[in-house]
Amino acid sequence: VYWATGTALTTPHGPLEVGQLPPLEQSMRVHEGEQIVLTRSLEPV
């Protein structure tokens, strides 16, 4: 099951809703020969 914020749940006794989940940590998979550019900017990329 992929649970998400706001997912609606149907029960025999009424509705429920999933609350705020933390965001997934993101990453980038790099391989030999590819380029990485380190930047002075610290804004989220």
Full PDB file with SEQRES, HELIX, SHEET, SSBOND, CRYST1, ORIGX, SCALE, CONECT and MASTER records, all heavy atoms in Angstrom:
SEQRES   1 A   45  VAL TYR TRP ALA THR GLY THR ALA LEU THR THR PRO HIS          
SEQRES   2 A   45  GLY PRO LEU GLU VAL GLY GLN LEU PRO PRO LEU GLU GLN          
SEQRES   3 A   45  SER MET ARG VAL HIS GLU GLY GLU GLN ILE VAL LEU THR          
SEQRES   4 A   45  ARG SER LEU GLU PRO VAL                                      
SHEET    1 AA1 2 ALA A   8  THR A  11  0                                        
SHEET    2 AA1 2 GLY A  14  GLU A  17 -1                                        
CRYST1    1.000    1.000    1.000  90.00  90.00  90.00 P 1           1          
ORIGX1      1.000000  0.000000  0.000000        0.00000                         
ORIGX2      0.000000  1.000000  0.000000        0.00000                         
ORIGX3      0.000000  0.000000  1.000000        0.00000                         
SCALE1      1.000000  0.000000  0.000000        0.00000                         
SCALE2      0.000000  1.000000  0.000000        0.00000                         
SCALE3      0.000000  0.000000  1.000000        0.00000                         
ATOM      1  N   VAL A   1       0.846  -1.185   0.000  1.00  0.00           N  
ATOM      2  CA  VAL A   1       0.000   0.000   0.000  1.00  0.00           C  
ATOM      3  C   VAL A   1       0.888   1.243   0.000  1.00  0.00           C  
ATOM      4  O   VAL A   1       1.814   1.352   0.817  1.00  0.00           O  
ATOM      5  CB  VAL A   1      -0.935   0.033   1.231  1.00  0.00           C  
ATOM      6  CG1 VAL A   1      -1.820   1.285   1.201  1.00  0.00           C  
ATOM      7  CG2 VAL A   1      -1.788  -1.224   1.290  1.00  0.00           C  
ATOM      8  N   TYR A   2       0.608   2.172  -0.917  1.00  0.00           N  
ATOM      9  CA  TYR A   2       1.271   3.472  -0.928  1.00  0.00           C  
ATOM     10  C   TYR A   2       0.342   4.476  -0.230  1.00  0.00           C  
ATOM     11  O   TYR A   2      -0.619   4.961  -0.813  1.00  0.00           O  
ATOM     12  CB  TYR A   2       1.552   3.919  -2.371  1.00  0.00           C  
ATOM     13  CG  TYR A   2       2.729   3.213  -3.011  1.00  0.00           C  
ATOM     14  CD1 TYR A   2       2.607   1.916  -3.488  1.00  0.00           C  
ATOM     15  CD2 TYR A   2       3.962   3.854  -3.130  1.00  0.00           C  
ATOM     16  CE1 TYR A   2       3.683   1.266  -4.074  1.00  0.00           C  
ATOM     17  CE2 TYR A   2       5.044   3.215  -3.713  1.00  0.00           C  
ATOM     18  CZ  TYR A   2       4.900   1.921  -4.185  1.00  0.00           C  
ATOM     19  OH  TYR A   2       5.968   1.290  -4.764  1.00  0.00           O  
ATOM     20  N   TRP A   3       0.636   4.756   1.020  1.00  0.00           N  
ATOM     21  CA  TRP A   3      -0.168   5.685   1.802  1.00  0.00           C  
ATOM     22  C   TRP A   3       0.227   7.118   1.440  1.00  0.00           C  
ATOM     23  O   TRP A   3       1.406   7.419   1.301  1.00  0.00           O  
ATOM     24  CB  TRP A   3       0.050   5.455   3.290  1.00  0.00           C  
ATOM     25  CG  TRP A   3      -0.373   4.103   3.773  1.00  0.00           C  
ATOM     26  CD1 TRP A   3       0.340   2.949   3.701  1.00  0.00           C  
ATOM     27  CD2 TRP A   3      -1.616   3.772   4.379  1.00  0.00           C  
ATOM     28  NE1 TRP A   3      -0.364   1.899   4.237  1.00  0.00           N  
ATOM     29  CE2 TRP A   3      -1.583   2.383   4.668  1.00  0.00           C  
ATOM     30  CE3 TRP A   3      -2.758   4.496   4.723  1.00  0.00           C  
ATOM     31  CZ2 TRP A   3      -2.633   1.718   5.274  1.00  0.00           C  
ATOM     32  CZ3 TRP A   3      -3.808   3.835   5.337  1.00  0.00           C  
ATOM     33  CH2 TRP A   3      -3.755   2.467   5.605  1.00  0.00           C  
ATOM     34  N   ALA A   4      -0.767   8.001   1.323  1.00  0.00           N  
ATOM     35  CA  ALA A   4      -0.507   9.392   0.966  1.00  0.00           C  
ATOM     36  C   ALA A   4      -1.314  10.316   1.865  1.00  0.00           C  
ATOM     37  O   ALA A   4      -2.404   9.941   2.353  1.00  0.00           O  
ATOM     38  CB  ALA A   4      -0.860   9.655  -0.498  1.00  0.00           C  
ATOM     39  N   THR A   5      -0.789  11.513   2.084  1.00  0.00           N  
ATOM     40  CA  THR A   5      -1.537  12.523   2.824  1.00  0.00           C  
ATOM     41  C   THR A   5      -2.889  12.765   2.142  1.00  0.00           C  
ATOM     42  O   THR A   5      -2.962  12.967   0.931  1.00  0.00           O  
ATOM     43  CB  THR A   5      -0.746  13.841   2.883  1.00  0.00           C  
ATOM     44  OG1 THR A   5       0.482  13.601   3.584  1.00  0.00           O  
ATOM     45  CG2 THR A   5      -1.530  14.931   3.597  1.00  0.00           C  
ATOM     46  N   GLY A   6      -3.960  12.732   2.924  1.00  0.00           N  
ATOM     47  CA  GLY A   6      -5.290  12.981   2.387  1.00  0.00           C  
ATOM     48  C   GLY A   6      -6.005  11.750   1.861  1.00  0.00           C  
ATOM     49  O   GLY A   6      -7.151  11.859   1.402  1.00  0.00           O  
ATOM     50  N   THR A   7      -5.364  10.584   1.889  1.00  0.00           N  
ATOM     51  CA  THR A   7      -6.033   9.371   1.408  1.00  0.00           C  
ATOM     52  C   THR A   7      -7.321   9.122   2.203  1.00  0.00           C  
ATOM     53  O   THR A   7      -7.311   9.140   3.442  1.00  0.00           O  
ATOM     54  CB  THR A   7      -5.102   8.153   1.533  1.00  0.00           C  
ATOM     55  OG1 THR A   7      -3.973   8.332   0.681  1.00  0.00           O  
ATOM     56  CG2 THR A   7      -5.818   6.868   1.139  1.00  0.00           C  
ATOM     57  N   ALA A   8      -8.416   8.905   1.480  1.00  0.00           N  
ATOM     58  CA  ALA A   8      -9.705   8.649   2.124  1.00  0.00           C  
ATOM     59  C   ALA A   8      -9.840   7.172   2.470  1.00  0.00           C  
ATOM     60  O   ALA A   8      -9.525   6.300   1.652  1.00  0.00           O  
ATOM     61  CB  ALA A   8     -10.845   9.074   1.198  1.00  0.00           C  
ATOM     62  N   LEU A   9     -10.327   6.905   3.682  1.00  0.00           N  
ATOM     63  CA  LEU A   9     -10.532   5.540   4.162  1.00  0.00           C  
ATOM     64  C   LEU A   9     -12.027   5.324   4.377  1.00  0.00           C  
ATOM     65  O   LEU A   9     -12.691   6.128   5.049  1.00  0.00           O  
ATOM     66  CB  LEU A   9      -9.784   5.302   5.477  1.00  0.00           C  
ATOM     67  CG  LEU A   9      -8.289   5.678   5.507  1.00  0.00           C  
ATOM     68  CD1 LEU A   9      -7.736   5.467   6.906  1.00  0.00           C  
ATOM     69  CD2 LEU A   9      -7.514   4.864   4.500  1.00  0.00           C  
ATOM     70  N   THR A  10     -12.535   4.252   3.832  1.00  0.00           N  
ATOM     71  CA  THR A  10     -13.945   3.908   4.006  1.00  0.00           C  
ATOM     72  C   THR A  10     -14.054   2.780   5.023  1.00  0.00           C  
ATOM     73  O   THR A  10     -13.459   1.712   4.843  1.00  0.00           O  
ATOM     74  CB  THR A  10     -14.560   3.469   2.672  1.00  0.00           C  
ATOM     75  OG1 THR A  10     -14.416   4.518   1.716  1.00  0.00           O  
ATOM     76  CG2 THR A  10     -16.044   3.155   2.845  1.00  0.00           C  
ATOM     77  N   THR A  11     -14.830   3.026   6.090  1.00  0.00           N  
ATOM     78  CA  THR A  11     -15.010   2.028   7.143  1.00  0.00           C  
ATOM     79  C   THR A  11     -16.498   1.733   7.293  1.00  0.00           C  
ATOM     80  O   THR A  11     -17.348   2.514   6.854  1.00  0.00           O  
ATOM     81  CB  THR A  11     -14.432   2.518   8.492  1.00  0.00           C  
ATOM     82  OG1 THR A  11     -15.427   3.321   9.149  1.00  0.00           O  
ATOM     83  CG2 THR A  11     -13.161   3.326   8.306  1.00  0.00           C  
ATOM     84  N   PRO A  12     -16.841   0.626   7.965  1.00  0.00           N  
ATOM     85  CA  PRO A  12     -18.259   0.323   8.180  1.00  0.00           C  
ATOM     86  C   PRO A  12     -18.979   1.346   9.060  1.00  0.00           C  
ATOM     87  O   PRO A  12     -20.210   1.349   9.122  1.00  0.00           O  
ATOM     88  CB  PRO A  12     -18.228  -1.051   8.867  1.00  0.00           C  
ATOM     89  CG  PRO A  12     -16.897  -1.630   8.544  1.00  0.00           C  
ATOM     90  CD  PRO A  12     -15.973  -0.475   8.439  1.00  0.00           C  
ATOM     91  N   HIS A  13     -18.205   2.228   9.701  1.00  0.00           N  
ATOM     92  CA  HIS A  13     -18.810   3.156  10.671  1.00  0.00           C  
ATOM     93  C   HIS A  13     -18.579   4.610  10.293  1.00  0.00           C  
ATOM     94  O   HIS A  13     -18.801   5.503  11.105  1.00  0.00           O  
ATOM     95  CB  HIS A  13     -18.245   2.875  12.066  1.00  0.00           C  
ATOM     96  CG  HIS A  13     -18.394   1.453  12.473  1.00  0.00           C  
ATOM     97  ND1 HIS A  13     -19.592   0.907  12.896  1.00  0.00           N  
ATOM     98  CD2 HIS A  13     -17.498   0.427  12.486  1.00  0.00           C  
ATOM     99  CE1 HIS A  13     -19.419  -0.378  13.169  1.00  0.00           C  
ATOM    100  NE2 HIS A  13     -18.156  -0.699  12.930  1.00  0.00           N  
ATOM    101  N   GLY A  14     -18.106   4.881   9.089  1.00  0.00           N  
ATOM    102  CA  GLY A  14     -17.917   6.246   8.653  1.00  0.00           C  
ATOM    103  C   GLY A  14     -16.546   6.453   8.034  1.00  0.00           C  
ATOM    104  O   GLY A  14     -15.682   5.566   8.071  1.00  0.00           O  
ATOM    105  N   PRO A  15     -16.319   7.641   7.443  1.00  0.00           N  
ATOM    106  CA  PRO A  15     -15.050   7.899   6.753  1.00  0.00           C  
ATOM    107  C   PRO A  15     -13.935   8.321   7.708  1.00  0.00           C  
ATOM    108  O   PRO A  15     -14.186   8.896   8.768  1.00  0.00           O  
ATOM    109  CB  PRO A  15     -15.408   9.041   5.801  1.00  0.00           C  
ATOM    110  CG  PRO A  15     -16.481   9.782   6.530  1.00  0.00           C  
ATOM    111  CD  PRO A  15     -17.284   8.744   7.267  1.00  0.00           C  
ATOM    112  N   LEU A  16     -12.709   8.047   7.288  1.00  0.00           N  
ATOM    113  CA  LEU A  16     -11.500   8.551   7.940  1.00  0.00           C  
ATOM    114  C   LEU A  16     -10.580   9.096   6.855  1.00  0.00           C  
ATOM    115  O   LEU A  16     -10.739   8.794   5.665  1.00  0.00           O  
ATOM    116  CB  LEU A  16     -10.787   7.451   8.726  1.00  0.00           C  
ATOM    117  CG  LEU A  16     -11.514   6.881   9.948  1.00  0.00           C  
ATOM    118  CD1 LEU A  16     -10.774   5.657  10.485  1.00  0.00           C  
ATOM    119  CD2 LEU A  16     -11.673   7.937  11.036  1.00  0.00           C  
ATOM    120  N   GLU A  17      -9.581   9.867   7.255  1.00  0.00           N  
ATOM    121  CA  GLU A  17      -8.652  10.453   6.279  1.00  0.00           C  
ATOM    122  C   GLU A  17      -7.241  10.432   6.840  1.00  0.00           C  
ATOM    123  O   GLU A  17      -7.022  10.706   8.036  1.00  0.00           O  
ATOM    124  CB  GLU A  17      -9.070  11.893   5.965  1.00  0.00           C  
ATOM    125  CG  GLU A  17      -8.188  12.578   4.920  1.00  0.00           C  
ATOM    126  CD  GLU A  17      -8.633  14.003   4.644  1.00  0.00           C  
ATOM    127  OE1 GLU A  17      -9.855  14.218   4.516  1.00  0.00           O  
ATOM    128  OE2 GLU A  17      -7.765  14.895   4.568  1.00  0.00           O  
ATOM    129  N   VAL A  18      -6.266  10.092   5.973  1.00  0.00           N  
ATOM    130  CA  VAL A  18      -4.858  10.089   6.393  1.00  0.00           C  
ATOM    131  C   VAL A  18      -4.377  11.517   6.597  1.00  0.00           C  
ATOM    132  O   VAL A  18      -4.637  12.410   5.777  1.00  0.00           O  
ATOM    133  CB  VAL A  18      -3.985   9.374   5.340  1.00  0.00           C  
ATOM    134  CG1 VAL A  18      -2.509   9.499   5.695  1.00  0.00           C  
ATOM    135  CG2 VAL A  18      -4.387   7.910   5.239  1.00  0.00           C  
ATOM    136  N   GLY A  19      -3.683  11.737   7.700  1.00  0.00           N  
ATOM    137  CA  GLY A  19      -3.170  13.066   8.013  1.00  0.00           C  
ATOM    138  C   GLY A  19      -1.860  13.372   7.290  1.00  0.00           C  
ATOM    139  O   GLY A  19      -1.486  12.695   6.324  1.00  0.00           O  
ATOM    140  N   GLN A  20      -1.154  14.369   7.809  1.00  0.00           N  
ATOM    141  CA  GLN A  20       0.061  14.860   7.149  1.00  0.00           C  
ATOM    142  C   GLN A  20       1.210  13.875   7.327  1.00  0.00           C  
ATOM    143  O   GLN A  20       1.638  13.571   8.438  1.00  0.00           O  
ATOM    144  CB  GLN A  20       0.458  16.230   7.740  1.00  0.00           C  
ATOM    145  CG  GLN A  20       1.607  16.898   7.040  1.00  0.00           C  
ATOM    146  CD  GLN A  20       1.165  17.687   5.827  1.00  0.00           C  
ATOM    147  OE1 GLN A  20       0.254  17.283   5.116  1.00  0.00           O  
ATOM    148  NE2 GLN A  20       1.794  18.809   5.581  1.00  0.00           N  
ATOM    149  N   LEU A  21       1.717  13.364   6.223  1.00  0.00           N  
ATOM    150  CA  LEU A  21       2.893  12.495   6.216  1.00  0.00           C  
ATOM    151  C   LEU A  21       4.136  13.315   5.879  1.00  0.00           C  
ATOM    152  O   LEU A  21       4.038  14.345   5.196  1.00  0.00           O  
ATOM    153  CB  LEU A  21       2.723  11.377   5.180  1.00  0.00           C  
ATOM    154  CG  LEU A  21       1.592  10.377   5.434  1.00  0.00           C  
ATOM    155  CD1 LEU A  21       1.419   9.460   4.237  1.00  0.00           C  
ATOM    156  CD2 LEU A  21       1.879   9.557   6.684  1.00  0.00           C  
ATOM    157  N   PRO A  22       5.301  12.881   6.331  1.00  0.00           N  
ATOM    158  CA  PRO A  22       6.518  13.608   5.974  1.00  0.00           C  
ATOM    159  C   PRO A  22       6.851  13.410   4.501  1.00  0.00           C  
ATOM    160  O   PRO A  22       6.552  12.357   3.929  1.00  0.00           O  
ATOM    161  CB  PRO A  22       7.583  12.970   6.873  1.00  0.00           C  
ATOM    162  CG  PRO A  22       7.075  11.594   7.132  1.00  0.00           C  
ATOM    163  CD  PRO A  22       5.578  11.707   7.192  1.00  0.00           C  
ATOM    164  N   PRO A  23       7.457  14.409   3.864  1.00  0.00           N  
ATOM    165  CA  PRO A  23       7.840  14.238   2.456  1.00  0.00           C  
ATOM    166  C   PRO A  23       8.957  13.222   2.307  1.00  0.00           C  
ATOM    167  O   PRO A  23       9.801  13.059   3.192  1.00  0.00           O  
ATOM    168  CB  PRO A  23       8.297  15.641   2.042  1.00  0.00           C  
ATOM    169  CG  PRO A  23       8.736  16.278   3.323  1.00  0.00           C  
ATOM    170  CD  PRO A  23       7.856  15.724   4.391  1.00  0.00           C  
ATOM    171  N   LEU A  24       8.977  12.531   1.196  1.00  0.00           N  
ATOM    172  CA  LEU A  24      10.039  11.572   0.927  1.00  0.00           C  
ATOM    173  C   LEU A  24      11.352  12.286   0.655  1.00  0.00           C  
ATOM    174  O   LEU A  24      11.385  13.318  -0.027  1.00  0.00           O  
ATOM    175  CB  LEU A  24       9.676  10.721  -0.299  1.00  0.00           C  
ATOM    176  CG  LEU A  24       8.553   9.701  -0.134  1.00  0.00           C  
ATOM    177  CD1 LEU A  24       8.277   9.029  -1.474  1.00  0.00           C  
ATOM    178  CD2 LEU A  24       8.918   8.662   0.912  1.00  0.00           C  
ATOM    179  N   GLU A  25      12.430  11.749   1.207  1.00  0.00           N  
ATOM    180  CA  GLU A  25      13.757  12.266   0.886  1.00  0.00           C  
ATOM    181  C   GLU A  25      14.087  11.898  -0.554  1.00  0.00           C  
ATOM    182  O   GLU A  25      13.937  10.748  -0.964  1.00  0.00           O  
ATOM    183  CB  GLU A  25      14.811  11.670   1.824  1.00  0.00           C  
ATOM    184  CG  GLU A  25      16.211  12.154   1.540  1.00  0.00           C  
ATOM    185  CD  GLU A  25      17.270  11.424   2.348  1.00  0.00           C  
ATOM    186  OE1 GLU A  25      17.014  10.268   2.749  1.00  0.00           O  
ATOM    187  OE2 GLU A  25      18.333  12.001   2.562  1.00  0.00           O  
ATOM    188  N   GLN A  26      14.515  12.869  -1.322  1.00  0.00           N  
ATOM    189  CA  GLN A  26      14.835  12.650  -2.718  1.00  0.00           C  
ATOM    190  C   GLN A  26      16.340  12.503  -2.917  1.00  0.00           C  
ATOM    191  O   GLN A  26      17.145  12.994  -2.119  1.00  0.00           O  
ATOM    192  CB  GLN A  26      14.323  13.811  -3.578  1.00  0.00           C  
ATOM    193  CG  GLN A  26      12.796  13.969  -3.533  1.00  0.00           C  
ATOM    194  CD  GLN A  26      12.080  12.843  -4.247  1.00  0.00           C  
ATOM    195  OE1 GLN A  26      11.897  11.759  -3.695  1.00  0.00           O  
ATOM    196  NE2 GLN A  26      11.677  13.086  -5.481  1.00  0.00           N  
ATOM    197  N   SER A  27      16.716  11.835  -3.990  1.00  0.00           N  
ATOM    198  CA  SER A  27      18.128  11.677  -4.336  1.00  0.00           C  
ATOM    199  C   SER A  27      18.231  11.541  -5.846  1.00  0.00           C  
ATOM    200  O   SER A  27      17.226  11.402  -6.555  1.00  0.00           O  
ATOM    201  CB  SER A  27      18.726  10.448  -3.646  1.00  0.00           C  
ATOM    202  OG  SER A  27      18.066   9.267  -4.062  1.00  0.00           O  
ATOM    203  N   MET A  28      19.465  11.591  -6.332  1.00  0.00           N  
ATOM    204  CA  MET A  28      19.728  11.433  -7.764  1.00  0.00           C  
ATOM    205  C   MET A  28      20.773  10.342  -7.936  1.00  0.00           C  
ATOM    206  O   MET A  28      21.833  10.404  -7.313  1.00  0.00           O  
ATOM    207  CB  MET A  28      20.217  12.766  -8.361  1.00  0.00           C  
ATOM    208  CG  MET A  28      19.175  13.872  -8.298  1.00  0.00           C  
ATOM    209  SD  MET A  28      19.776  15.499  -8.874  1.00  0.00           S  
ATOM    210  CE  MET A  28      20.553  16.138  -7.376  1.00  0.00           C  
ATOM    211  N   ARG A  29      20.467   9.349  -8.750  1.00  0.00           N  
ATOM    212  CA  ARG A  29      21.411   8.242  -8.945  1.00  0.00           C  
ATOM    213  C   ARG A  29      22.397   8.594 -10.050  1.00  0.00           C  
ATOM    214  O   ARG A  29      22.008   8.814 -11.197  1.00  0.00           O  
ATOM    215  CB  ARG A  29      20.672   6.942  -9.280  1.00  0.00           C  
ATOM    216  CG  ARG A  29      21.607   5.730  -9.346  1.00  0.00           C  
ATOM    217  CD  ARG A  29      20.836   4.441  -9.405  1.00  0.00           C  
ATOM    218  NE  ARG A  29      20.167   4.150  -8.153  1.00  0.00           N  
ATOM    219  CZ  ARG A  29      20.746   3.564  -7.103  1.00  0.00           C  
ATOM    220  NH1 ARG A  29      22.051   3.237  -7.153  1.00  0.00           N  
ATOM    221  NH2 ARG A  29      20.069   3.312  -6.012  1.00  0.00           N  
ATOM    222  N   VAL A  30      23.676   8.643  -9.688  1.00  0.00           N  
ATOM    223  CA  VAL A  30      24.712   9.018 -10.640  1.00  0.00           C  
ATOM    224  C   VAL A  30      25.576   7.813 -10.974  1.00  0.00           C  
ATOM    225  O   VAL A  30      25.710   6.875 -10.175  1.00  0.00           O  
ATOM    226  CB  VAL A  30      25.580  10.172 -10.085  1.00  0.00           C  
ATOM    227  CG1 VAL A  30      24.725  11.368  -9.724  1.00  0.00           C  
ATOM    228  CG2 VAL A  30      26.380   9.719  -8.858  1.00  0.00           C  
ATOM    229  N   HIS A  31      26.177   7.849 -12.159  1.00  0.00           N  
ATOM    230  CA  HIS A  31      27.009   6.743 -12.639  1.00  0.00           C  
ATOM    231  C   HIS A  31      28.351   7.280 -13.126  1.00  0.00           C  
ATOM    232  O   HIS A  31      28.503   8.485 -13.378  1.00  0.00           O  
ATOM    233  CB  HIS A  31      26.304   6.007 -13.788  1.00  0.00           C  
ATOM    234  CG  HIS A  31      24.971   5.439 -13.409  1.00  0.00           C  
ATOM    235  ND1 HIS A  31      23.813   6.196 -13.393  1.00  0.00           N  
ATOM    236  CD2 HIS A  31      24.615   4.181 -13.017  1.00  0.00           C  
ATOM    237  CE1 HIS A  31      22.797   5.430 -13.016  1.00  0.00           C  
ATOM    238  NE2 HIS A  31      23.257   4.204 -12.793  1.00  0.00           N  
ATOM    239  N   GLU A  32      29.316   6.386 -13.238  1.00  0.00           N  
ATOM    240  CA  GLU A  32      30.644   6.769 -13.722  1.00  0.00           C  
ATOM    241  C   GLU A  32      30.527   7.434 -15.096  1.00  0.00           C  
ATOM    242  O   GLU A  32      29.745   7.000 -15.953  1.00  0.00           O  
ATOM    243  CB  GLU A  32      31.548   5.540 -13.815  1.00  0.00           C  
ATOM    244  CG  GLU A  32      31.958   4.982 -12.469  1.00  0.00           C  
ATOM    245  CD  GLU A  32      32.942   3.837 -12.591  1.00  0.00           C  
ATOM    246  OE1 GLU A  32      33.566   3.728 -13.668  1.00  0.00           O  
ATOM    247  OE2 GLU A  32      33.078   3.065 -11.630  1.00  0.00           O  
ATOM    248  N   GLY A  33      31.317   8.483 -15.272  1.00  0.00           N  
ATOM    249  CA  GLY A  33      31.334   9.208 -16.536  1.00  0.00           C  
ATOM    250  C   GLY A  33      30.329  10.333 -16.619  1.00  0.00           C  
ATOM    251  O   GLY A  33      30.413  11.166 -17.535  1.00  0.00           O  
ATOM    252  N   GLU A  34      29.375  10.402 -15.696  1.00  0.00           N  
ATOM    253  CA  GLU A  34      28.372  11.464 -15.727  1.00  0.00           C  
ATOM    254  C   GLU A  34      28.869  12.708 -15.003  1.00  0.00           C  
ATOM    255  O   GLU A  34      29.875  12.676 -14.286  1.00  0.00           O  
ATOM    256  CB  GLU A  34      27.056  10.966 -15.112  1.00  0.00           C  
ATOM    257  CG  GLU A  34      26.406   9.860 -15.923  1.00  0.00           C  
ATOM    258  CD  GLU A  34      25.097   9.385 -15.337  1.00  0.00           C  
ATOM    259  OE1 GLU A  34      24.921   9.469 -14.097  1.00  0.00           O  
ATOM    260  OE2 GLU A  34      24.240   8.916 -16.116  1.00  0.00           O  
ATOM    261  N   GLN A  35      28.149  13.824 -15.177  1.00  0.00           N  
ATOM    262  CA  GLN A  35      28.550  15.110 -14.610  1.00  0.00           C  
ATOM    263  C   GLN A  35      27.694  15.470 -13.401  1.00  0.00           C  
ATOM    264  O   GLN A  35      26.476  15.276 -13.399  1.00  0.00           O  
ATOM    265  CB  GLN A  35      28.422  16.232 -15.646  1.00  0.00           C  
ATOM    266  CG  GLN A  35      29.582  16.347 -16.608  1.00  0.00           C  
ATOM    267  CD  GLN A  35      29.506  17.636 -17.409  1.00  0.00           C  
ATOM    268  OE1 GLN A  35      28.478  18.306 -17.457  1.00  0.00           O  
ATOM    269  NE2 GLN A  35      30.609  17.999 -18.045  1.00  0.00           N  
ATOM    270  N   ILE A  36      28.384  16.004 -12.387  1.00  0.00           N  
ATOM    271  CA  ILE A  36      27.731  16.651 -11.244  1.00  0.00           C  
ATOM    272  C   ILE A  36      28.219  18.093 -11.224  1.00  0.00           C  
ATOM    273  O   ILE A  36      29.424  18.345 -11.364  1.00  0.00           O  
ATOM    274  CB  ILE A  36      28.094  15.967  -9.918  1.00  0.00           C  
ATOM    275  CG1 ILE A  36      27.615  14.516  -9.905  1.00  0.00           C  
ATOM    276  CG2 ILE A  36      27.515  16.734  -8.732  1.00  0.00           C  
ATOM    277  CD1 ILE A  36      28.093  13.732  -8.688  1.00  0.00           C  
ATOM    278  N   VAL A  37      27.312  19.036 -11.046  1.00  0.00           N  
ATOM    279  CA  VAL A  37      27.681  20.452 -10.951  1.00  0.00           C  
ATOM    280  C   VAL A  37      27.374  20.922  -9.538  1.00  0.00           C  
ATOM    281  O   VAL A  37      26.210  20.938  -9.112  1.00  0.00           O  
ATOM    282  CB  VAL A  37      26.916  21.310 -11.982  1.00  0.00           C  
ATOM    283  CG1 VAL A  37      27.324  22.775 -11.844  1.00  0.00           C  
ATOM    284  CG2 VAL A  37      27.189  20.812 -13.401  1.00  0.00           C  
ATOM    285  N   LEU A  38      28.425  21.280  -8.796  1.00  0.00           N  
ATOM    286  CA  LEU A  38      28.267  21.870  -7.466  1.00  0.00           C  
ATOM    287  C   LEU A  38      28.078  23.374  -7.631  1.00  0.00           C  
ATOM    288  O   LEU A  38      28.877  24.025  -8.312  1.00  0.00           O  
ATOM    289  CB  LEU A  38      29.500  21.591  -6.602  1.00  0.00           C  
ATOM    290  CG  LEU A  38      29.890  20.114  -6.426  1.00  0.00           C  
ATOM    291  CD1 LEU A  38      31.185  20.003  -5.630  1.00  0.00           C  
ATOM    292  CD2 LEU A  38      28.778  19.340  -5.738  1.00  0.00           C  
ATOM    293  N   THR A  39      27.035  23.930  -7.050  1.00  0.00           N  
ATOM    294  CA  THR A  39      26.716  25.342  -7.238  1.00  0.00           C  
ATOM    295  C   THR A  39      26.826  26.114  -5.926  1.00  0.00           C  
ATOM    296  O   THR A  39      26.658  25.548  -4.835  1.00  0.00           O  
ATOM    297  CB  THR A  39      25.292  25.510  -7.798  1.00  0.00           C  
ATOM    298  OG1 THR A  39      24.343  25.188  -6.771  1.00  0.00           O  
ATOM    299  CG2 THR A  39      25.065  24.596  -8.997  1.00  0.00           C  
ATOM    300  N   ARG A  40      27.083  27.394  -6.048  1.00  0.00           N  
ATOM    301  CA  ARG A  40      27.163  28.257  -4.872  1.00  0.00           C  
ATOM    302  C   ARG A  40      25.771  28.441  -4.247  1.00  0.00           C  
ATOM    303  O   ARG A  40      25.643  28.646  -3.049  1.00  0.00           O  
ATOM    304  CB  ARG A  40      27.757  29.606  -5.276  1.00  0.00           C  
ATOM    305  CG  ARG A  40      28.038  30.538  -4.108  1.00  0.00           C  
ATOM    306  CD  ARG A  40      28.518  31.889  -4.605  1.00  0.00           C  
ATOM    307  NE  ARG A  40      29.851  31.800  -5.186  1.00  0.00           N  
ATOM    308  CZ  ARG A  40      30.976  31.984  -4.516  1.00  0.00           C  
ATOM    309  NH1 ARG A  40      30.931  32.235  -3.212  1.00  0.00           N  
ATOM    310  NH2 ARG A  40      32.143  31.918  -5.111  1.00  0.00           N  
ATOM    311  N   SER A  41      24.725  28.383  -5.068  1.00  0.00           N  
ATOM    312  CA  SER A  41      23.360  28.570  -4.572  1.00  0.00           C  
ATOM    313  C   SER A  41      22.957  27.409  -3.674  1.00  0.00           C  
ATOM    314  O   SER A  41      23.209  26.246  -3.989  1.00  0.00           O  
ATOM    315  CB  SER A  41      22.379  28.670  -5.738  1.00  0.00           C  
ATOM    316  OG  SER A  41      21.047  28.629  -5.265  1.00  0.00           O  
ATOM    317  N   LEU A  42      22.307  27.740  -2.565  1.00  0.00           N  
ATOM    318  CA  LEU A  42      21.834  26.719  -1.640  1.00  0.00           C  
ATOM    319  C   LEU A  42      20.310  26.618  -1.647  1.00  0.00           C  
ATOM    320  O   LEU A  42      19.710  26.110  -0.691  1.00  0.00           O  
ATOM    321  CB  LEU A  42      22.359  27.001  -0.226  1.00  0.00           C  
ATOM    322  CG  LEU A  42      23.881  26.900  -0.065  1.00  0.00           C  
ATOM    323  CD1 LEU A  42      24.301  27.228   1.346  1.00  0.00           C  
ATOM    324  CD2 LEU A  42      24.374  25.515  -0.462  1.00  0.00           C  
ATOM    325  N   GLU A  43      19.703  27.088  -2.724  1.00  0.00           N  
ATOM    326  CA  GLU A  43      18.273  26.882  -2.890  1.00  0.00           C  
ATOM    327  C   GLU A  43      18.019  25.402  -3.203  1.00  0.00           C  
ATOM    328  O   GLU A  43      18.815  24.762  -3.894  1.00  0.00           O  
ATOM    329  CB  GLU A  43      17.737  27.746  -4.031  1.00  0.00           C  
ATOM    330  CG  GLU A  43      17.748  29.240  -3.734  1.00  0.00           C  
ATOM    331  CD  GLU A  43      16.817  29.593  -2.580  1.00  0.00           C  
ATOM    332  OE1 GLU A  43      15.698  29.041  -2.542  1.00  0.00           O  
ATOM    333  OE2 GLU A  43      17.222  30.399  -1.727  1.00  0.00           O  
ATOM    334  N   PRO A  44      16.914  24.837  -2.707  1.00  0.00           N  
ATOM    335  CA  PRO A  44      16.620  23.434  -3.016  1.00  0.00           C  
ATOM    336  C   PRO A  44      16.534  23.194  -4.520  1.00  0.00           C  
ATOM    337  O   PRO A  44      15.942  23.991  -5.250  1.00  0.00           O  
ATOM    338  CB  PRO A  44      15.271  23.200  -2.335  1.00  0.00           C  
ATOM    339  CG  PRO A  44      15.193  24.228  -1.255  1.00  0.00           C  
ATOM    340  CD  PRO A  44      15.906  25.434  -1.798  1.00  0.00           C  
ATOM    341  N   VAL A  45      17.145  22.108  -4.967  1.00  0.00           N  
ATOM    342  CA  VAL A  45      17.143  21.790  -6.396  1.00  0.00           C  
ATOM    343  C   VAL A  45      16.228  20.599  -6.639  1.00  0.00           C  
ATOM    344  O   VAL A  45      16.035  19.753  -5.757  1.00  0.00           O  
ATOM    345  CB  VAL A  45      18.564  21.464  -6.897  1.00  0.00           C  
ATOM    346  CG1 VAL A  45      19.484  22.664  -6.723  1.00  0.00           C  
ATOM    347  CG2 VAL A  45      19.136  20.252  -6.166  1.00  0.00           C  
TER     348      VAL A  45                                                      
MASTER        0    0    0    0    2    0    0    6  347    1    0    4          
END                                                                             
